[in-house]
Amino acid sequence: MTSITTTCRDISELLPAAQTACRLLFQECFKAGIKNIFITETYRSQERQKYLYAQGRTRQGQIVTWTLDSNHKSRLAWDIAVGPPQSLYDVTTLNKVGAIAQKLGITWGGVWSAKIDRPHFEVKSTWIMPKGYKIEGQIIIPTNSKYQVQITVEGNTTKPIAKDDDKMQFTIKETKAAVRDFLHQAVDKKLIDKSWLEKFDAGTMTNGDYEGLKIIIAQR
């Protein structure tokens, strides 16, 4: 059981509708040039919600939440933050993300009248992708400020795709065989989808893809 002091940043802990909505939001932000955003929390147990609610009230610290009934516990909400060079909760960036979210039918805490919560996004379990949108490629969503959103769209030069100089390069310490074995083990353990191994074998995986996958694997 996860400790109440531990933050969950794994979008696979969200319900399917929320997972898709989150991926779509990050994709559309990437396409709009917003790449330095990252997930700070997804699922939150009721016990953790109570723990956070106590902060600044019955426990020392600054108030971080205003409710005991959050959609985080329903696996339908996620929080984000902004990476360098902006500040962690840069209002301009969060407003841009919020505007995109609203176009996608995603609820944004930045428009709440009672308690504004710009980093917060959520959907209902019945949310469906708006007409005209689709998940266009492999999306890697960062969970810390050291990395940026990555998306690879194959077969469409009008979308962000890998350039030739981004193709996988191998060193003496990390040979092609070693990398493939690493990915194969991750697939066997169900840490990543088999499509990534197929992408590697096809020679279309980039260094960015691989670095992003290592982050994901390390966190699972």
C-alpha atoms as a PDB file:
ATOM      1  CA  MET A   1       0.000   0.000   0.000  1.00  0.00           C
ATOM      2  CA  THR A   2       1.350   3.431  -0.930  1.00  0.00           C
ATOM      3  CA  SER A   3       2.245   5.724   1.958  1.00  0.00           C
ATOM      4  CA  ILE A   4       0.020   8.771   2.517  1.00  0.00           C
ATOM      5  CA  THR A   5       3.150  10.905   2.236  1.00  0.00           C
ATOM      6  CA  THR A   6       3.976   9.574  -1.240  1.00  0.00           C
ATOM      7  CA  THR A   7       2.801  11.384  -4.368  1.00  0.00           C
ATOM      8  CA  CYS A   8       1.523   9.245  -7.257  1.00  0.00           C
ATOM      9  CA  ARG A   9       2.458  10.652 -10.689  1.00  0.00           C
ATOM     10  CA  ASP A  10       1.552   7.623 -12.788  1.00  0.00           C
ATOM     11  CA  ILE A  11      -1.255   8.329 -15.295  1.00  0.00           C
ATOM     12  CA  SER A  12      -1.934   4.581 -15.570  1.00  0.00           C
ATOM     13  CA  GLU A  13      -3.493   4.926 -12.103  1.00  0.00           C
ATOM     14  CA  LEU A  14      -6.231   7.089 -13.638  1.00  0.00           C
ATOM     15  CA  LEU A  15      -9.438   5.735 -15.152  1.00  0.00           C
ATOM     16  CA  PRO A  16      -9.269   5.133 -18.939  1.00  0.00           C
ATOM     17  CA  ALA A  17     -11.173   8.327 -19.821  1.00  0.00           C
ATOM     18  CA  ALA A  18      -8.843  10.428 -17.695  1.00  0.00           C
ATOM     19  CA  GLN A  19      -5.743   8.720 -19.100  1.00  0.00           C
ATOM     20  CA  THR A  20      -6.829   9.513 -22.658  1.00  0.00           C
ATOM     21  CA  ALA A  21      -7.809  13.075 -21.747  1.00  0.00           C
ATOM     22  CA  CYS A  22      -4.454  13.648 -20.074  1.00  0.00           C
ATOM     23  CA  ARG A  23      -2.516  12.301 -23.050  1.00  0.00           C
ATOM     24  CA  LEU A  24      -4.582  14.413 -25.444  1.00  0.00           C
ATOM     25  CA  LEU A  25      -3.968  17.534 -23.357  1.00  0.00           C
ATOM     26  CA  PHE A  26      -0.201  17.001 -23.335  1.00  0.00           C
ATOM     27  CA  GLN A  27      -0.250  16.261 -27.054  1.00  0.00           C
ATOM     28  CA  GLU A  28      -2.128  19.448 -27.896  1.00  0.00           C
ATOM     29  CA  CYS A  29       0.122  21.473 -25.587  1.00  0.00           C
ATOM     30  CA  PHE A  30       3.162  20.033 -27.368  1.00  0.00           C
ATOM     31  CA  LYS A  31       1.724  21.044 -30.721  1.00  0.00           C
ATOM     32  CA  ALA A  32       1.127  24.539 -29.329  1.00  0.00           C
ATOM     33  CA  GLY A  33       4.780  24.771 -28.297  1.00  0.00           C
ATOM     34  CA  ILE A  34       4.190  24.122 -24.588  1.00  0.00           C
ATOM     35  CA  LYS A  35       6.656  21.347 -23.785  1.00  0.00           C
ATOM     36  CA  ASN A  36       7.949  22.195 -20.294  1.00  0.00           C
ATOM     37  CA  ILE A  37       4.938  20.991 -18.294  1.00  0.00           C
ATOM     38  CA  PHE A  38       4.890  17.831 -16.207  1.00  0.00           C
ATOM     39  CA  ILE A  39       2.619  15.733 -13.993  1.00  0.00           C
ATOM     40  CA  THR A  40       2.854  16.318 -10.236  1.00  0.00           C
ATOM     41  CA  GLU A  41       0.011  14.085  -9.034  1.00  0.00           C
ATOM     42  CA  THR A  42      -2.635  11.724 -10.404  1.00  0.00           C
ATOM     43  CA  TYR A  43      -4.424   9.254  -8.103  1.00  0.00           C
ATOM     44  CA  ARG A  44      -4.721  10.235  -4.450  1.00  0.00           C
ATOM     45  CA  SER A  45      -6.255   7.952  -1.825  1.00  0.00           C
ATOM     46  CA  GLN A  46      -8.811   9.315   0.622  1.00  0.00           C
ATOM     47  CA  GLU A  47      -6.279   8.760   3.407  1.00  0.00           C
ATOM     48  CA  ARG A  48      -3.730  10.923   1.581  1.00  0.00           C
ATOM     49  CA  GLN A  49      -6.419  13.536   0.908  1.00  0.00           C
ATOM     50  CA  LYS A  50      -7.133  13.721   4.643  1.00  0.00           C
ATOM     51  CA  TYR A  51      -3.403  13.936   5.343  1.00  0.00           C
ATOM     52  CA  LEU A  52      -2.991  16.858   2.940  1.00  0.00           C
ATOM     53  CA  TYR A  53      -6.120  18.569   4.225  1.00  0.00           C
ATOM     54  CA  ALA A  54      -4.722  18.498   7.748  1.00  0.00           C
ATOM     55  CA  GLN A  55      -1.646  20.453   6.648  1.00  0.00           C
ATOM     56  CA  GLY A  56      -2.008  24.055   7.711  1.00  0.00           C
ATOM     57  CA  ARG A  57      -4.965  23.145   9.908  1.00  0.00           C
ATOM     58  CA  THR A  58      -4.237  20.448  12.477  1.00  0.00           C
ATOM     59  CA  ARG A  59      -0.711  19.805  11.198  1.00  0.00           C
ATOM     60  CA  GLN A  60       2.060  22.332  10.709  1.00  0.00           C
ATOM     61  CA  GLY A  61       2.673  23.713   7.242  1.00  0.00           C
ATOM     62  CA  GLN A  62       1.047  25.751   4.494  1.00  0.00           C
ATOM     63  CA  ILE A  63      -2.478  24.862   3.353  1.00  0.00           C
ATOM     64  CA  VAL A  64      -2.250  22.836   0.136  1.00  0.00           C
ATOM     65  CA  THR A  65      -5.846  21.708  -0.429  1.00  0.00           C
ATOM     66  CA  TRP A  66      -9.259  23.147   0.359  1.00  0.00           C
ATOM     67  CA  THR A  67     -11.364  19.983   0.158  1.00  0.00           C
ATOM     68  CA  LEU A  68     -11.706  16.478   1.559  1.00  0.00           C
ATOM     69  CA  ASP A  69     -13.645  15.387  -1.536  1.00  0.00           C
ATOM     70  CA  SER A  70     -11.262  15.554  -4.496  1.00  0.00           C
ATOM     71  CA  ASN A  71     -11.608  13.886  -7.890  1.00  0.00           C
ATOM     72  CA  HIS A  72      -8.024  12.707  -7.435  1.00  0.00           C
ATOM     73  CA  LYS A  73      -9.420   9.922  -5.241  1.00  0.00           C
ATOM     74  CA  SER A  74     -11.865   9.029  -8.045  1.00  0.00           C
ATOM     75  CA  ARG A  75      -8.914   8.602 -10.448  1.00  0.00           C
ATOM     76  CA  LEU A  76     -10.291  11.337 -12.699  1.00  0.00           C
ATOM     77  CA  ALA A  77      -7.959  14.248 -11.925  1.00  0.00           C
ATOM     78  CA  TRP A  78      -4.343  15.221 -12.352  1.00  0.00           C
ATOM     79  CA  ASP A  79      -2.137  18.170 -11.400  1.00  0.00           C
ATOM     80  CA  ILE A  80       0.666  19.699 -13.415  1.00  0.00           C
ATOM     81  CA  ALA A  81       3.517  22.153 -12.925  1.00  0.00           C
ATOM     82  CA  VAL A  82       5.828  24.121 -15.203  1.00  0.00           C
ATOM     83  CA  GLY A  83       9.516  23.453 -15.754  1.00  0.00           C
ATOM     84  CA  PRO A  84      12.383  25.860 -16.427  1.00  0.00           C
ATOM     85  CA  PRO A  85      12.853  28.559 -17.528  1.00  0.00           C
ATOM     86  CA  GLN A  86       9.454  29.521 -16.062  1.00  0.00           C
ATOM     87  CA  SER A  87       8.570  29.311 -12.373  1.00  0.00           C
ATOM     88  CA  LEU A  88       6.921  26.151 -11.050  1.00  0.00           C
ATOM     89  CA  TYR A  89       3.378  27.512 -11.291  1.00  0.00           C
ATOM     90  CA  ASP A  90       3.852  30.124 -13.988  1.00  0.00           C
ATOM     91  CA  VAL A  91       0.440  31.708 -14.448  1.00  0.00           C
ATOM     92  CA  THR A  92       0.907  32.545 -18.130  1.00  0.00           C
ATOM     93  CA  THR A  93       1.796  28.945 -19.021  1.00  0.00           C
ATOM     94  CA  LEU A  94      -0.957  27.444 -16.877  1.00  0.00           C
ATOM     95  CA  ASN A  95      -3.490  29.804 -18.448  1.00  0.00           C
ATOM     96  CA  LYS A  96      -2.422  28.637 -21.914  1.00  0.00           C
ATOM     97  CA  VAL A  97      -2.744  24.984 -20.877  1.00  0.00           C
ATOM     98  CA  GLY A  98      -6.108  25.741 -19.295  1.00  0.00           C
ATOM     99  CA  ALA A  99      -7.410  27.310 -22.494  1.00  0.00           C
ATOM    100  CA  ILE A 100      -6.402  24.211 -24.455  1.00  0.00           C
ATOM    101  CA  ALA A 101      -8.004  21.939 -21.850  1.00  0.00           C
ATOM    102  CA  GLN A 102     -11.318  23.761 -22.120  1.00  0.00           C
ATOM    103  CA  LYS A 103     -11.363  23.231 -25.887  1.00  0.00           C
ATOM    104  CA  LEU A 104     -10.975  19.507 -25.201  1.00  0.00           C
ATOM    105  CA  GLY A 105     -13.848  19.367 -22.710  1.00  0.00           C
ATOM    106  CA  ILE A 106     -11.463  18.986 -19.777  1.00  0.00           C
ATOM    107  CA  THR A 107     -12.380  20.823 -16.580  1.00  0.00           C
ATOM    108  CA  TRP A 108      -9.716  23.311 -15.496  1.00  0.00           C
ATOM    109  CA  GLY A 109      -9.446  24.500 -11.919  1.00  0.00           C
ATOM    110  CA  GLY A 110      -8.293  27.895 -13.116  1.00  0.00           C
ATOM    111  CA  VAL A 111     -11.870  28.957 -13.872  1.00  0.00           C
ATOM    112  CA  TRP A 112     -13.400  27.879 -10.570  1.00  0.00           C
ATOM    113  CA  SER A 113     -15.021  30.851  -8.867  1.00  0.00           C
ATOM    114  CA  ALA A 114     -14.681  29.733  -5.250  1.00  0.00           C
ATOM    115  CA  LYS A 115     -11.187  28.253  -5.141  1.00  0.00           C
ATOM    116  CA  ILE A 116      -8.972  28.866  -8.188  1.00  0.00           C
ATOM    117  CA  ASP A 117      -6.654  25.902  -8.764  1.00  0.00           C
ATOM    118  CA  ARG A 118      -4.710  26.508 -11.992  1.00  0.00           C
ATOM    119  CA  PRO A 119      -2.530  23.357 -11.847  1.00  0.00           C
ATOM    120  CA  HIS A 120      -5.617  21.110 -11.549  1.00  0.00           C
ATOM    121  CA  PHE A 121      -7.404  19.288 -14.390  1.00  0.00           C
ATOM    122  CA  GLU A 122     -10.167  16.699 -14.295  1.00  0.00           C
ATOM    123  CA  VAL A 123     -12.819  14.943 -16.370  1.00  0.00           C
ATOM    124  CA  LYS A 124     -15.953  12.938 -15.760  1.00  0.00           C
ATOM    125  CA  SER A 125     -15.852   9.180 -16.246  1.00  0.00           C
ATOM    126  CA  THR A 126     -18.118   9.714 -19.287  1.00  0.00           C
ATOM    127  CA  TRP A 127     -15.684  12.100 -21.023  1.00  0.00           C
ATOM    128  CA  ILE A 128     -15.116  11.326 -24.696  1.00  0.00           C
ATOM    129  CA  MET A 129     -12.627  12.825 -27.090  1.00  0.00           C
ATOM    130  CA  PRO A 130     -14.070  15.822 -28.978  1.00  0.00           C
ATOM    131  CA  LYS A 131     -14.756  15.408 -32.678  1.00  0.00           C
ATOM    132  CA  GLY A 132     -11.770  16.290 -34.828  1.00  0.00           C
ATOM    133  CA  TYR A 133      -9.152  15.163 -32.311  1.00  0.00           C
ATOM    134  CA  LYS A 134      -7.172  11.945 -31.976  1.00  0.00           C
ATOM    135  CA  ILE A 135      -4.069  10.651 -30.273  1.00  0.00           C
ATOM    136  CA  GLU A 136      -1.583  11.159 -33.073  1.00  0.00           C
ATOM    137  CA  GLY A 137       1.520   9.368 -31.870  1.00  0.00           C
ATOM    138  CA  GLN A 138       3.584   8.045 -28.995  1.00  0.00           C
ATOM    139  CA  ILE A 139       3.353  10.551 -26.127  1.00  0.00           C
ATOM    140  CA  ILE A 140       5.798  10.584 -23.249  1.00  0.00           C
ATOM    141  CA  ILE A 141       4.506  12.653 -20.333  1.00  0.00           C
ATOM    142  CA  PRO A 142       7.226  13.864 -17.927  1.00  0.00           C
ATOM    143  CA  THR A 143       6.805  13.518 -14.175  1.00  0.00           C
ATOM    144  CA  ASN A 144       9.529  15.975 -13.189  1.00  0.00           C
ATOM    145  CA  SER A 145      10.988  19.256 -14.399  1.00  0.00           C
ATOM    146  CA  LYS A 146      14.151  17.722 -15.862  1.00  0.00           C
ATOM    147  CA  TYR A 147      12.383  16.475 -18.990  1.00  0.00           C
ATOM    148  CA  GLN A 148      10.006  17.857 -21.581  1.00  0.00           C
ATOM    149  CA  VAL A 149       6.954  16.400 -23.293  1.00  0.00           C
ATOM    150  CA  GLN A 150       7.880  14.193 -26.232  1.00  0.00           C
ATOM    151  CA  ILE A 151       5.718  13.014 -29.104  1.00  0.00           C
ATOM    152  CA  THR A 152       6.681  11.111 -32.218  1.00  0.00           C
ATOM    153  CA  VAL A 153       4.241  11.067 -35.120  1.00  0.00           C
ATOM    154  CA  GLU A 154       5.246   8.735 -37.903  1.00  0.00           C
ATOM    155  CA  GLY A 155       4.480   9.241 -41.588  1.00  0.00           C
ATOM    156  CA  ASN A 156       3.399  12.878 -41.405  1.00  0.00           C
ATOM    157  CA  THR A 157       6.020  15.532 -42.070  1.00  0.00           C
ATOM    158  CA  THR A 158       3.640  18.309 -41.000  1.00  0.00           C
ATOM    159  CA  LYS A 159       3.784  17.040 -37.410  1.00  0.00           C
ATOM    160  CA  PRO A 160       6.769  16.903 -35.030  1.00  0.00           C
ATOM    161  CA  ILE A 161       8.768  13.854 -36.097  1.00  0.00           C
ATOM    162  CA  ALA A 162      12.267  12.616 -35.470  1.00  0.00           C
ATOM    163  CA  LYS A 163      15.028  14.095 -37.579  1.00  0.00           C
ATOM    164  CA  ASP A 164      17.828  11.931 -38.914  1.00  0.00           C
ATOM    165  CA  ASP A 165      20.264  13.223 -36.308  1.00  0.00           C
ATOM    166  CA  ASP A 166      17.823  12.171 -33.563  1.00  0.00           C
ATOM    167  CA  LYS A 167      18.008   8.490 -34.482  1.00  0.00           C
ATOM    168  CA  MET A 168      19.284   6.049 -31.889  1.00  0.00           C
ATOM    169  CA  GLN A 169      23.025   6.172 -31.341  1.00  0.00           C
ATOM    170  CA  PHE A 170      24.888   3.539 -29.355  1.00  0.00           C
ATOM    171  CA  THR A 171      28.033   3.670 -27.245  1.00  0.00           C
ATOM    172  CA  ILE A 172      30.465   0.953 -26.186  1.00  0.00           C
ATOM    173  CA  LYS A 173      28.749   0.823 -22.772  1.00  0.00           C
ATOM    174  CA  GLU A 174      25.271   0.605 -24.273  1.00  0.00           C
ATOM    175  CA  THR A 175      25.292  -1.547 -27.396  1.00  0.00           C
ATOM    176  CA  LYS A 176      22.316  -2.155 -29.655  1.00  0.00           C
ATOM    177  CA  ALA A 177      21.970  -5.681 -28.275  1.00  0.00           C
ATOM    178  CA  ALA A 178      22.005  -4.382 -24.687  1.00  0.00           C
ATOM    179  CA  VAL A 179      19.347  -1.789 -25.415  1.00  0.00           C
ATOM    180  CA  ARG A 180      17.120  -4.343 -27.124  1.00  0.00           C
ATOM    181  CA  ASP A 181      17.517  -6.739 -24.205  1.00  0.00           C
ATOM    182  CA  PHE A 182      16.586  -3.936 -21.795  1.00  0.00           C
ATOM    183  CA  LEU A 183      13.439  -3.136 -23.773  1.00  0.00           C
ATOM    184  CA  HIS A 184      12.554  -6.816 -24.171  1.00  0.00           C
ATOM    185  CA  GLN A 185      12.701  -7.335 -20.404  1.00  0.00           C
ATOM    186  CA  ALA A 186      10.532  -4.239 -19.857  1.00  0.00           C
ATOM    187  CA  VAL A 187       7.935  -5.642 -22.278  1.00  0.00           C
ATOM    188  CA  ASP A 188       7.988  -9.043 -20.548  1.00  0.00           C
ATOM    189  CA  LYS A 189       7.409  -7.330 -17.192  1.00  0.00           C
ATOM    190  CA  LYS A 190       4.578  -5.318 -18.788  1.00  0.00           C
ATOM    191  CA  LEU A 191       6.313  -2.049 -17.940  1.00  0.00           C
ATOM    192  CA  ILE A 192       5.986  -0.810 -21.530  1.00  0.00           C
ATOM    193  CA  ASP A 193       3.919  -1.736 -24.558  1.00  0.00           C
ATOM    194  CA  LYS A 194       5.264  -4.226 -27.128  1.00  0.00           C
ATOM    195  CA  SER A 195       4.972  -1.547 -29.803  1.00  0.00           C
ATOM    196  CA  TRP A 196       8.120   0.103 -28.404  1.00  0.00           C
ATOM    197  CA  LEU A 197      10.170  -3.029 -29.085  1.00  0.00           C
ATOM    198  CA  GLU A 198       8.726  -3.178 -32.594  1.00  0.00           C
ATOM    199  CA  LYS A 199       9.634   0.483 -33.055  1.00  0.00           C
ATOM    200  CA  PHE A 200      13.198  -0.267 -31.970  1.00  0.00           C
ATOM    201  CA  ASP A 201      13.490  -3.229 -34.355  1.00  0.00           C
ATOM    202  CA  ALA A 202      12.158  -1.068 -37.194  1.00  0.00           C
ATOM    203  CA  GLY A 203      14.891   1.483 -36.541  1.00  0.00           C
ATOM    204  CA  THR A 204      12.441   4.331 -35.920  1.00  0.00           C
ATOM    205  CA  MET A 205      13.071   4.775 -32.198  1.00  0.00           C
ATOM    206  CA  THR A 206      14.905   7.989 -31.312  1.00  0.00           C
ATOM    207  CA  ASN A 207      17.268   8.833 -28.494  1.00  0.00           C
ATOM    208  CA  GLY A 208      14.469  10.965 -27.047  1.00  0.00           C
ATOM    209  CA  ASP A 209      12.092   7.988 -27.127  1.00  0.00           C
ATOM    210  CA  TYR A 210      14.611   5.806 -25.338  1.00  0.00           C
ATOM    211  CA  GLU A 211      15.477   8.352 -22.657  1.00  0.00           C
ATOM    212  CA  GLY A 212      11.782   8.900 -21.999  1.00  0.00           C
ATOM    213  CA  LEU A 213      11.153   5.158 -21.726  1.00  0.00           C
ATOM    214  CA  LYS A 214      13.963   4.788 -19.205  1.00  0.00           C
ATOM    215  CA  ILE A 215      12.248   7.392 -17.045  1.00  0.00           C
ATOM    216  CA  ILE A 216       8.914   5.575 -17.287  1.00  0.00           C
ATOM    217  CA  ILE A 217      10.465   2.160 -16.542  1.00  0.00           C
ATOM    218  CA  ALA A 218      12.401   3.494 -13.541  1.00  0.00           C
ATOM    219  CA  GLN A 219       9.199   4.832 -12.014  1.00  0.00           C
ATOM    220  CA  ARG A 220       7.217   1.598 -12.264  1.00  0.00           C
END
